[in-house]
Amino acid sequence: MLTTRSELPFVSPLAGLADGPVGPETAQLWDWSGRRLLDVRGRERPEALQKSAAPEAIGEAACVQNGVWMRLRADRWFYVALSASDGAEIEEPALTDVTHAYAILLLRGVHIPGVLAQLCALDFDNRAFPDHRVAQTSLAKVPALIVRLDAEVQGYLILVERSVAAYVWEVIAGTLTSAA
């Protein structure tokens, strides 16, 4: 099997647009692109996930030491590193490093559910979309993966394909500005 690794440094698809957080403290948007993102597929639970706290239920996320495992389907998991410097090596035939294929946006603040509701048909009420919930949906008319990860305030990771990252950033930033 051919294995290649790029020696080029990661460049965010939002370079120039996202020099810092956008929006008021009650609803902020951050560029988290470049954190390690792994796509794991297979009918059987891959060996890399056997000893980890990866969730059993579809649509759930579980925090581990350096990141978050999400179960999207019966045969698909995603991992997002919560640290920009996470260099954890997981060798698994079913695993693909897709860090360069996606942009990761972080939305935090008490007003974020209302902002997301303007851009997405999901119900972001605490009962319908609790902490550690994952959904594949359409956000601003493009496919997106939304993960709720609360810390001191409500937080959401939004994963979108690299090619639409600038568009999604501008739509969310515009919604934050008009809501302020």
N, C-alpha and C. Protein backbone atom coordinates (compact mmCIF):
# COMPACT_ATOMS: atom_id res chain seq x y z
N MET A 1 0.83 -1.17 0.00
CA MET A 1 0.00 0.00 0.00
C MET A 1 0.88 1.25 0.00
N LEU A 2 0.54 2.22 -0.81
CA LEU A 2 1.29 3.46 -0.93
C LEU A 2 0.86 4.43 0.16
N THR A 3 1.82 4.95 0.89
CA THR A 3 1.56 5.94 1.92
C THR A 3 2.36 7.19 1.61
N THR A 4 1.69 8.33 1.59
CA THR A 4 2.39 9.59 1.34
C THR A 4 2.06 10.57 2.46
N ARG A 5 2.99 11.45 2.74
CA ARG A 5 2.79 12.51 3.73
C ARG A 5 3.33 13.80 3.15
N SER A 6 2.55 14.84 3.27
CA SER A 6 2.96 16.14 2.76
C SER A 6 3.93 16.79 3.74
N GLU A 7 4.96 17.38 3.21
CA GLU A 7 5.91 18.13 4.04
C GLU A 7 5.52 19.60 4.10
N LEU A 8 4.47 19.96 3.37
CA LEU A 8 4.02 21.35 3.37
C LEU A 8 3.24 21.65 4.63
N PRO A 9 3.42 22.84 5.20
CA PRO A 9 2.63 23.19 6.40
C PRO A 9 1.17 23.40 6.03
N PHE A 10 0.31 23.18 6.99
CA PHE A 10 -1.11 23.38 6.77
C PHE A 10 -1.40 24.87 6.63
N VAL A 11 -2.21 25.23 5.65
CA VAL A 11 -2.68 26.60 5.47
C VAL A 11 -4.19 26.57 5.55
N SER A 12 -4.74 27.32 6.48
CA SER A 12 -6.18 27.34 6.66
C SER A 12 -6.88 27.87 5.41
N PRO A 13 -8.01 27.27 5.05
CA PRO A 13 -8.79 27.82 3.94
C PRO A 13 -9.38 29.18 4.27
N LEU A 14 -9.24 29.59 5.53
CA LEU A 14 -9.76 30.87 5.98
C LEU A 14 -8.66 31.90 6.22
N ALA A 15 -7.44 31.58 5.75
CA ALA A 15 -6.32 32.51 5.92
C ALA A 15 -6.70 33.86 5.32
N GLY A 16 -6.50 34.91 6.08
CA GLY A 16 -6.84 36.26 5.64
C GLY A 16 -8.24 36.68 6.08
N LEU A 17 -9.15 35.73 6.22
CA LEU A 17 -10.51 36.04 6.67
C LEU A 17 -10.62 35.96 8.19
N ALA A 18 -9.90 34.99 8.76
CA ALA A 18 -10.08 34.68 10.17
C ALA A 18 -8.79 34.91 10.95
N ASP A 19 -8.49 36.16 11.22
CA ASP A 19 -7.28 36.48 11.97
C ASP A 19 -7.51 36.43 13.48
N GLY A 20 -8.74 36.27 13.89
CA GLY A 20 -9.10 36.20 15.30
C GLY A 20 -10.58 35.92 15.40
N PRO A 21 -11.12 35.90 16.61
CA PRO A 21 -12.54 35.62 16.75
C PRO A 21 -13.40 36.74 16.17
N VAL A 22 -14.58 36.36 15.69
CA VAL A 22 -15.54 37.31 15.14
C VAL A 22 -16.78 37.26 16.01
N GLY A 23 -17.34 38.41 16.30
CA GLY A 23 -18.59 38.48 17.04
C GLY A 23 -18.39 38.86 18.49
N PRO A 24 -19.51 39.18 19.15
CA PRO A 24 -19.46 39.55 20.56
C PRO A 24 -19.19 38.31 21.42
N GLU A 25 -18.89 38.52 22.69
CA GLU A 25 -18.57 37.42 23.59
C GLU A 25 -19.71 36.42 23.73
N THR A 26 -20.93 36.86 23.50
CA THR A 26 -22.09 35.98 23.63
C THR A 26 -22.31 35.10 22.40
N ALA A 27 -21.56 35.35 21.33
CA ALA A 27 -21.67 34.56 20.10
C ALA A 27 -20.42 34.79 19.26
N GLN A 28 -19.40 33.96 19.48
CA GLN A 28 -18.13 34.15 18.77
C GLN A 28 -17.84 33.00 17.82
N LEU A 29 -17.16 33.34 16.73
CA LEU A 29 -16.76 32.40 15.68
C LEU A 29 -15.24 32.38 15.62
N TRP A 30 -14.67 31.17 15.64
CA TRP A 30 -13.22 30.99 15.61
C TRP A 30 -12.85 30.03 14.48
N ASP A 31 -11.68 30.20 13.89
CA ASP A 31 -11.15 29.25 12.91
C ASP A 31 -10.30 28.22 13.65
N TRP A 32 -10.73 26.98 13.64
CA TRP A 32 -9.99 25.88 14.26
C TRP A 32 -9.38 24.96 13.21
N SER A 33 -9.37 25.37 11.98
CA SER A 33 -8.84 24.53 10.90
C SER A 33 -7.39 24.18 11.18
N GLY A 34 -7.00 22.99 10.75
CA GLY A 34 -5.64 22.53 10.94
C GLY A 34 -5.49 21.55 12.09
N ARG A 35 -6.48 21.46 12.94
CA ARG A 35 -6.44 20.43 13.98
C ARG A 35 -6.63 19.09 13.30
N ARG A 36 -5.98 18.08 13.83
CA ARG A 36 -6.01 16.77 13.19
C ARG A 36 -7.44 16.23 13.10
N LEU A 37 -7.79 15.76 11.93
CA LEU A 37 -9.11 15.22 11.66
C LEU A 37 -8.95 13.87 10.99
N LEU A 38 -9.50 12.84 11.60
CA LEU A 38 -9.37 11.48 11.09
C LEU A 38 -10.75 10.92 10.75
N ASP A 39 -10.82 10.21 9.64
CA ASP A 39 -12.04 9.55 9.18
C ASP A 39 -11.78 8.05 9.28
N VAL A 40 -12.58 7.34 10.05
CA VAL A 40 -12.39 5.90 10.24
C VAL A 40 -13.64 5.19 9.75
N ARG A 41 -13.44 4.21 8.86
CA ARG A 41 -14.57 3.49 8.29
C ARG A 41 -14.38 1.98 8.42
N GLY A 42 -15.48 1.29 8.55
CA GLY A 42 -15.45 -0.16 8.60
C GLY A 42 -16.65 -0.71 9.34
N ARG A 43 -17.16 -1.84 8.87
CA ARG A 43 -18.31 -2.49 9.52
C ARG A 43 -17.97 -2.95 10.93
N GLU A 44 -16.79 -3.49 11.08
CA GLU A 44 -16.34 -3.91 12.41
C GLU A 44 -15.70 -2.72 13.09
N ARG A 45 -15.85 -2.63 14.39
CA ARG A 45 -15.22 -1.53 15.14
C ARG A 45 -13.71 -1.63 14.93
N PRO A 46 -13.09 -0.62 14.32
CA PRO A 46 -11.65 -0.69 14.04
C PRO A 46 -10.83 -0.86 15.32
N GLU A 47 -9.69 -1.51 15.18
CA GLU A 47 -8.82 -1.79 16.33
C GLU A 47 -8.42 -0.51 17.05
N ALA A 48 -8.20 0.57 16.30
CA ALA A 48 -7.81 1.85 16.90
C ALA A 48 -8.87 2.35 17.88
N LEU A 49 -10.12 1.92 17.73
CA LEU A 49 -11.20 2.38 18.59
C LEU A 49 -11.55 1.38 19.69
N GLN A 50 -10.97 0.20 19.64
CA GLN A 50 -11.32 -0.84 20.62
C GLN A 50 -11.05 -0.40 22.05
N LYS A 51 -9.92 0.25 22.28
CA LYS A 51 -9.53 0.65 23.64
C LYS A 51 -9.88 2.10 23.95
N SER A 52 -10.45 2.79 22.98
CA SER A 52 -10.74 4.21 23.21
C SER A 52 -12.18 4.36 23.70
N ALA A 53 -12.50 5.57 24.08
CA ALA A 53 -13.85 5.88 24.58
C ALA A 53 -14.76 6.31 23.44
N ALA A 54 -14.50 5.84 22.22
CA ALA A 54 -15.33 6.21 21.08
C ALA A 54 -16.78 5.79 21.36
N PRO A 55 -17.73 6.63 20.99
CA PRO A 55 -19.13 6.34 21.33
C PRO A 55 -19.68 5.13 20.59
N GLU A 56 -20.59 4.44 21.24
CA GLU A 56 -21.28 3.30 20.65
C GLU A 56 -22.49 3.76 19.84
N ALA A 57 -23.16 4.80 20.31
CA ALA A 57 -24.40 5.26 19.68
C ALA A 57 -24.12 6.19 18.50
N ILE A 58 -24.85 5.99 17.43
CA ILE A 58 -24.75 6.85 16.25
C ILE A 58 -25.29 8.23 16.63
N GLY A 59 -24.57 9.28 16.21
CA GLY A 59 -24.97 10.65 16.52
C GLY A 59 -24.46 11.17 17.85
N GLU A 60 -23.52 10.43 18.44
CA GLU A 60 -22.96 10.84 19.73
C GLU A 60 -21.47 11.14 19.59
N ALA A 61 -20.96 11.96 20.50
CA ALA A 61 -19.53 12.29 20.56
C ALA A 61 -19.02 11.95 21.95
N ALA A 62 -17.74 11.60 22.03
CA ALA A 62 -17.12 11.31 23.32
C ALA A 62 -15.76 11.96 23.38
N CYS A 63 -15.51 12.71 24.44
CA CYS A 63 -14.21 13.34 24.63
C CYS A 63 -13.21 12.31 25.13
N VAL A 64 -12.03 12.35 24.55
CA VAL A 64 -10.91 11.53 25.00
C VAL A 64 -9.80 12.49 25.39
N GLN A 65 -8.65 11.97 25.74
CA GLN A 65 -7.58 12.81 26.28
C GLN A 65 -7.26 14.02 25.40
N ASN A 66 -7.07 13.81 24.11
CA ASN A 66 -6.62 14.90 23.24
C ASN A 66 -7.64 15.36 22.22
N GLY A 67 -8.81 14.76 22.22
CA GLY A 67 -9.76 15.13 21.18
C GLY A 67 -11.15 14.58 21.42
N VAL A 68 -11.89 14.47 20.33
CA VAL A 68 -13.28 14.02 20.37
C VAL A 68 -13.49 12.98 19.28
N TRP A 69 -14.06 11.82 19.67
CA TRP A 69 -14.50 10.81 18.72
C TRP A 69 -15.99 11.00 18.49
N MET A 70 -16.42 10.90 17.23
CA MET A 70 -17.84 11.01 16.89
C MET A 70 -18.24 9.79 16.08
N ARG A 71 -19.42 9.29 16.33
CA ARG A 71 -19.93 8.17 15.52
C ARG A 71 -21.02 8.72 14.61
N LEU A 72 -20.75 8.66 13.29
CA LEU A 72 -21.67 9.23 12.32
C LEU A 72 -22.65 8.21 11.77
N ARG A 73 -22.16 6.99 11.56
CA ARG A 73 -22.99 5.89 11.05
C ARG A 73 -22.50 4.62 11.71
N ALA A 74 -23.15 3.52 11.38
CA ALA A 74 -22.74 2.23 11.95
C ALA A 74 -21.31 1.88 11.52
N ASP A 75 -20.88 2.43 10.39
CA ASP A 75 -19.56 2.08 9.85
C ASP A 75 -18.62 3.28 9.70
N ARG A 76 -18.91 4.39 10.40
CA ARG A 76 -18.07 5.58 10.22
C ARG A 76 -17.94 6.38 11.50
N TRP A 77 -16.68 6.70 11.84
CA TRP A 77 -16.34 7.54 12.99
C TRP A 77 -15.45 8.67 12.50
N PHE A 78 -15.47 9.80 13.22
CA PHE A 78 -14.57 10.92 12.97
C PHE A 78 -13.87 11.24 14.28
N TYR A 79 -12.63 11.70 14.16
CA TYR A 79 -11.87 12.17 15.32
C TYR A 79 -11.42 13.59 15.02
N VAL A 80 -11.59 14.50 15.99
CA VAL A 80 -11.09 15.87 15.89
C VAL A 80 -10.20 16.12 17.09
N ALA A 81 -8.97 16.54 16.83
CA ALA A 81 -8.05 16.91 17.92
C ALA A 81 -8.50 18.25 18.49
N LEU A 82 -8.51 18.35 19.79
CA LEU A 82 -8.90 19.61 20.43
C LEU A 82 -7.72 20.56 20.60
N SER A 83 -6.53 20.06 20.34
CA SER A 83 -5.33 20.87 20.41
C SER A 83 -4.72 20.98 19.01
N ALA A 84 -4.24 22.15 18.67
CA ALA A 84 -3.62 22.33 17.36
C ALA A 84 -2.33 21.54 17.23
N SER A 85 -1.73 21.15 18.34
CA SER A 85 -0.45 20.45 18.30
C SER A 85 -0.58 18.95 18.51
N ASP A 86 -1.81 18.41 18.49
CA ASP A 86 -1.99 16.97 18.71
C ASP A 86 -1.35 16.20 17.57
N GLY A 87 -0.35 15.41 17.89
CA GLY A 87 0.34 14.62 16.89
C GLY A 87 0.15 13.13 17.10
N ALA A 88 -0.93 12.75 17.76
CA ALA A 88 -1.17 11.35 18.06
C ALA A 88 -1.14 10.52 16.79
N GLU A 89 -0.38 9.46 16.82
CA GLU A 89 -0.28 8.57 15.67
C GLU A 89 -1.17 7.36 15.90
N ILE A 90 -2.09 7.15 15.00
CA ILE A 90 -2.94 5.97 15.04
C ILE A 90 -2.79 5.29 13.69
N GLU A 91 -2.28 4.10 13.70
CA GLU A 91 -2.10 3.36 12.45
C GLU A 91 -3.23 2.35 12.33
N GLU A 92 -3.99 2.45 11.27
CA GLU A 92 -5.14 1.58 11.07
C GLU A 92 -5.47 1.61 9.58
N PRO A 93 -5.66 0.46 8.95
CA PRO A 93 -5.98 0.45 7.52
C PRO A 93 -7.27 1.20 7.19
N ALA A 94 -8.23 1.23 8.11
CA ALA A 94 -9.52 1.87 7.85
C ALA A 94 -9.49 3.36 8.10
N LEU A 95 -8.36 3.92 8.54
CA LEU A 95 -8.25 5.30 8.96
C LEU A 95 -7.67 6.18 7.85
N THR A 96 -8.24 7.37 7.68
CA THR A 96 -7.73 8.32 6.71
C THR A 96 -7.58 9.68 7.38
N ASP A 97 -6.42 10.30 7.24
CA ASP A 97 -6.20 11.65 7.75
C ASP A 97 -6.81 12.62 6.75
N VAL A 98 -7.86 13.33 7.16
CA VAL A 98 -8.56 14.27 6.27
C VAL A 98 -8.43 15.72 6.75
N THR A 99 -7.37 15.98 7.49
CA THR A 99 -7.14 17.32 8.04
C THR A 99 -7.18 18.39 6.94
N HIS A 100 -6.56 18.11 5.80
CA HIS A 100 -6.47 19.10 4.73
C HIS A 100 -7.76 19.24 3.92
N ALA A 101 -8.72 18.35 4.12
CA ALA A 101 -9.95 18.36 3.33
C ALA A 101 -11.06 19.20 3.93
N TYR A 102 -10.93 19.56 5.20
CA TYR A 102 -12.01 20.24 5.90
C TYR A 102 -11.54 21.51 6.59
N ALA A 103 -12.49 22.41 6.80
CA ALA A 103 -12.29 23.54 7.69
C ALA A 103 -13.07 23.22 8.96
N ILE A 104 -12.54 23.65 10.09
CA ILE A 104 -13.21 23.45 11.36
C ILE A 104 -13.48 24.83 11.95
N LEU A 105 -14.75 25.11 12.18
CA LEU A 105 -15.15 26.37 12.78
C LEU A 105 -15.64 26.09 14.19
N LEU A 106 -15.32 26.95 15.11
CA LEU A 106 -15.80 26.84 16.49
C LEU A 106 -16.73 28.01 16.75
N LEU A 107 -17.91 27.71 17.22
CA LEU A 107 -18.88 28.73 17.62
C LEU A 107 -19.12 28.57 19.11
N ARG A 108 -18.98 29.65 19.86
CA ARG A 108 -19.17 29.61 21.32
C ARG A 108 -19.96 30.80 21.79
N GLY A 109 -20.82 30.55 22.75
CA GLY A 109 -21.56 31.63 23.38
C GLY A 109 -23.02 31.27 23.59
N VAL A 110 -23.66 32.01 24.48
CA VAL A 110 -25.04 31.70 24.84
C VAL A 110 -26.03 31.97 23.71
N HIS A 111 -25.67 32.82 22.75
CA HIS A 111 -26.59 33.14 21.65
C HIS A 111 -26.35 32.29 20.40
N ILE A 112 -25.41 31.37 20.44
CA ILE A 112 -25.09 30.56 19.26
C ILE A 112 -26.27 29.71 18.78
N PRO A 113 -27.05 29.07 19.67
CA PRO A 113 -28.18 28.28 19.15
C PRO A 113 -29.12 29.11 18.26
N GLY A 114 -29.36 30.34 18.63
CA GLY A 114 -30.22 31.21 17.81
C GLY A 114 -29.58 31.55 16.48
N VAL A 115 -28.27 31.75 16.48
CA VAL A 115 -27.55 32.03 15.23
C VAL A 115 -27.62 30.82 14.31
N LEU A 116 -27.35 29.63 14.86
CA LEU A 116 -27.39 28.41 14.05
C LEU A 116 -28.79 28.14 13.52
N ALA A 117 -29.81 28.45 14.31
CA ALA A 117 -31.19 28.22 13.88
C ALA A 117 -31.55 29.05 12.65
N GLN A 118 -30.87 30.18 12.45
CA GLN A 118 -31.12 31.00 11.27
C GLN A 118 -30.50 30.39 10.02
N LEU A 119 -29.53 29.49 10.19
CA LEU A 119 -28.78 28.94 9.05
C LEU A 119 -29.03 27.46 8.81
N CYS A 120 -29.78 26.82 9.71
CA CYS A 120 -29.92 25.37 9.67
C CYS A 120 -31.30 24.99 10.20
N ALA A 121 -31.86 23.91 9.66
CA ALA A 121 -33.20 23.48 10.06
C ALA A 121 -33.24 22.64 11.34
N LEU A 122 -32.09 22.32 11.92
CA LEU A 122 -32.07 21.54 13.15
C LEU A 122 -32.63 22.33 14.32
N ASP A 123 -33.14 21.62 15.30
CA ASP A 123 -33.61 22.21 16.54
C ASP A 123 -32.43 22.20 17.52
N PHE A 124 -31.94 23.36 17.91
CA PHE A 124 -30.77 23.46 18.79
C PHE A 124 -31.15 23.64 20.26
N ASP A 125 -32.40 23.37 20.60
CA ASP A 125 -32.83 23.39 21.99
C ASP A 125 -32.04 22.32 22.76
N ASN A 126 -31.78 22.57 24.04
CA ASN A 126 -31.00 21.63 24.86
C ASN A 126 -31.57 20.22 24.87
N ARG A 127 -32.89 20.09 24.82
CA ARG A 127 -33.50 18.75 24.84
C ARG A 127 -33.31 18.04 23.51
N ALA A 128 -33.37 18.77 22.40
CA ALA A 128 -33.26 18.16 21.07
C ALA A 128 -31.81 17.96 20.63
N PHE A 129 -30.92 18.85 21.07
CA PHE A 129 -29.51 18.80 20.64
C PHE A 129 -28.64 19.03 21.87
N PRO A 130 -28.53 18.01 22.74
CA PRO A 130 -27.77 18.18 23.98
C PRO A 130 -26.26 18.16 23.74
N ASP A 131 -25.51 18.43 24.79
CA ASP A 131 -24.05 18.36 24.75
C ASP A 131 -23.63 16.97 24.24
N HIS A 132 -22.58 16.93 23.43
CA HIS A 132 -22.01 15.72 22.83
C HIS A 132 -22.91 15.08 21.76
N ARG A 133 -23.77 15.86 21.16
CA ARG A 133 -24.62 15.38 20.06
C ARG A 133 -23.93 15.75 18.75
N VAL A 134 -24.07 14.89 17.74
CA VAL A 134 -23.47 15.08 16.42
C VAL A 134 -24.57 14.96 15.37
N ALA A 135 -24.54 15.84 14.36
CA ALA A 135 -25.51 15.76 13.28
C ALA A 135 -24.85 16.12 11.96
N GLN A 136 -25.15 15.32 10.95
CA GLN A 136 -24.78 15.66 9.58
C GLN A 136 -25.99 16.36 8.98
N THR A 137 -25.81 17.57 8.48
CA THR A 137 -26.93 18.39 8.07
C THR A 137 -26.51 19.36 6.98
N SER A 138 -27.38 20.28 6.68
CA SER A 138 -27.09 21.37 5.76
C SER A 138 -27.04 22.66 6.57
N LEU A 139 -25.98 23.41 6.42
CA LEU A 139 -25.81 24.68 7.11
C LEU A 139 -25.50 25.72 6.05
N ALA A 140 -26.27 26.76 5.95
CA ALA A 140 -26.10 27.79 4.92
C ALA A 140 -26.10 27.15 3.53
N LYS A 141 -26.91 26.10 3.38
CA LYS A 141 -27.13 25.39 2.12
C LYS A 141 -25.94 24.56 1.65
N VAL A 142 -25.02 24.22 2.56
CA VAL A 142 -23.91 23.32 2.21
C VAL A 142 -23.85 22.19 3.25
N PRO A 143 -23.35 21.02 2.87
CA PRO A 143 -23.23 19.92 3.84
C PRO A 143 -22.28 20.29 4.97
N ALA A 144 -22.69 19.95 6.19
CA ALA A 144 -21.88 20.27 7.37
C ALA A 144 -22.07 19.19 8.42
N LEU A 145 -21.06 19.05 9.25
CA LEU A 145 -21.12 18.19 10.43
C LEU A 145 -21.08 19.13 11.63
N ILE A 146 -22.08 19.03 12.49
CA ILE A 146 -22.17 19.90 13.66
C ILE A 146 -22.06 19.05 14.91
N VAL A 147 -21.16 19.45 15.80
CA VAL A 147 -20.92 18.72 17.06
C VAL A 147 -21.08 19.71 18.20
N ARG A 148 -21.92 19.38 19.15
CA ARG A 148 -22.06 20.26 20.32
C ARG A 148 -21.07 19.81 21.38
N LEU A 149 -20.22 20.74 21.79
CA LEU A 149 -19.22 20.48 22.84
C LEU A 149 -19.21 21.67 23.79
N ASP A 150 -19.90 21.54 24.87
CA ASP A 150 -19.97 22.62 25.85
C ASP A 150 -18.75 22.58 26.76
N ALA A 151 -18.24 23.74 27.07
CA ALA A 151 -17.21 23.89 28.10
C ALA A 151 -17.83 24.82 29.14
N GLU A 152 -17.27 26.00 29.33
CA GLU A 152 -17.89 26.94 30.25
C GLU A 152 -19.16 27.57 29.65
N VAL A 153 -19.28 27.57 28.32
CA VAL A 153 -20.48 28.03 27.62
C VAL A 153 -20.79 27.04 26.50
N GLN A 154 -21.95 27.21 25.88
CA GLN A 154 -22.30 26.34 24.77
C GLN A 154 -21.29 26.51 23.64
N GLY A 155 -20.91 25.38 23.05
CA GLY A 155 -19.97 25.42 21.95
C GLY A 155 -20.33 24.41 20.88
N TYR A 156 -20.02 24.75 19.66
CA TYR A 156 -20.32 23.88 18.53
C TYR A 156 -19.12 23.87 17.59
N LEU A 157 -18.70 22.67 17.19
CA LEU A 157 -17.72 22.53 16.11
C LEU A 157 -18.51 22.33 14.83
N ILE A 158 -18.12 23.03 13.79
CA ILE A 158 -18.75 22.90 12.49
C ILE A 158 -17.66 22.48 11.52
N LEU A 159 -17.84 21.34 10.88
CA LEU A 159 -16.89 20.86 9.87
C LEU A 159 -17.54 20.99 8.51
N VAL A 160 -16.86 21.70 7.61
CA VAL A 160 -17.33 21.85 6.23
C VAL A 160 -16.17 21.57 5.30
N GLU A 161 -16.48 21.20 4.08
CA GLU A 161 -15.43 20.95 3.11
C GLU A 161 -14.64 22.24 2.87
N ARG A 162 -13.38 22.06 2.63
CA ARG A 162 -12.45 23.17 2.43
C ARG A 162 -12.93 24.15 1.35
N SER A 163 -13.52 23.62 0.30
CA SER A 163 -13.92 24.45 -0.84
C SER A 163 -15.03 25.44 -0.52
N VAL A 164 -15.81 25.19 0.52
CA VAL A 164 -16.90 26.10 0.88
C VAL A 164 -16.65 26.82 2.20
N ALA A 165 -15.47 26.66 2.77
CA ALA A 165 -15.16 27.21 4.09
C ALA A 165 -15.30 28.74 4.13
N ALA A 166 -14.76 29.44 3.17
CA ALA A 166 -14.83 30.91 3.18
C ALA A 166 -16.28 31.38 3.08
N TYR A 167 -17.06 30.72 2.24
CA TYR A 167 -18.48 31.07 2.12
C TYR A 167 -19.20 30.88 3.46
N VAL A 168 -19.02 29.73 4.11
CA VAL A 168 -19.68 29.45 5.38
C VAL A 168 -19.22 30.44 6.45
N TRP A 169 -17.91 30.73 6.48
CA TRP A 169 -17.38 31.71 7.44
C TRP A 169 -18.08 33.05 7.26
N GLU A 170 -18.19 33.53 6.03
CA GLU A 170 -18.79 34.83 5.77
C GLU A 170 -20.27 34.86 6.12
N VAL A 171 -20.97 33.76 5.84
CA VAL A 171 -22.40 33.71 6.18
C VAL A 171 -22.59 33.74 7.69
N ILE A 172 -21.82 32.93 8.41
CA ILE A 172 -21.95 32.91 9.88
C ILE A 172 -21.52 34.26 10.47
N ALA A 173 -20.40 34.80 9.99
CA ALA A 173 -19.93 36.09 10.50
C ALA A 173 -20.97 37.19 10.23
N GLY A 174 -21.59 37.16 9.06
CA GLY A 174 -22.64 38.14 8.75
C GLY A 174 -23.85 37.99 9.66
N THR A 175 -24.20 36.75 9.98
CA THR A 175 -25.33 36.49 10.87
C THR A 175 -25.00 36.97 12.28
N LEU A 176 -23.76 36.75 12.72
CA LEU A 176 -23.34 37.23 14.04
C LEU A 176 -23.41 38.75 14.11
N THR A 177 -22.96 39.41 13.05
CA THR A 177 -22.93 40.87 13.00
C THR A 177 -24.34 41.43 13.02
N SER A 178 -25.24 40.81 12.26
CA SER A 178 -26.61 41.33 12.20
C SER A 178 -27.39 41.03 13.48
N ALA A 179 -26.99 39.98 14.21
CA ALA A 179 -27.66 39.64 15.46
C ALA A 179 -27.19 40.48 16.62
N ALA A 180 -26.00 41.09 16.49
CA ALA A 180 -25.41 41.87 17.60
C ALA A 180 -26.08 43.20 17.82
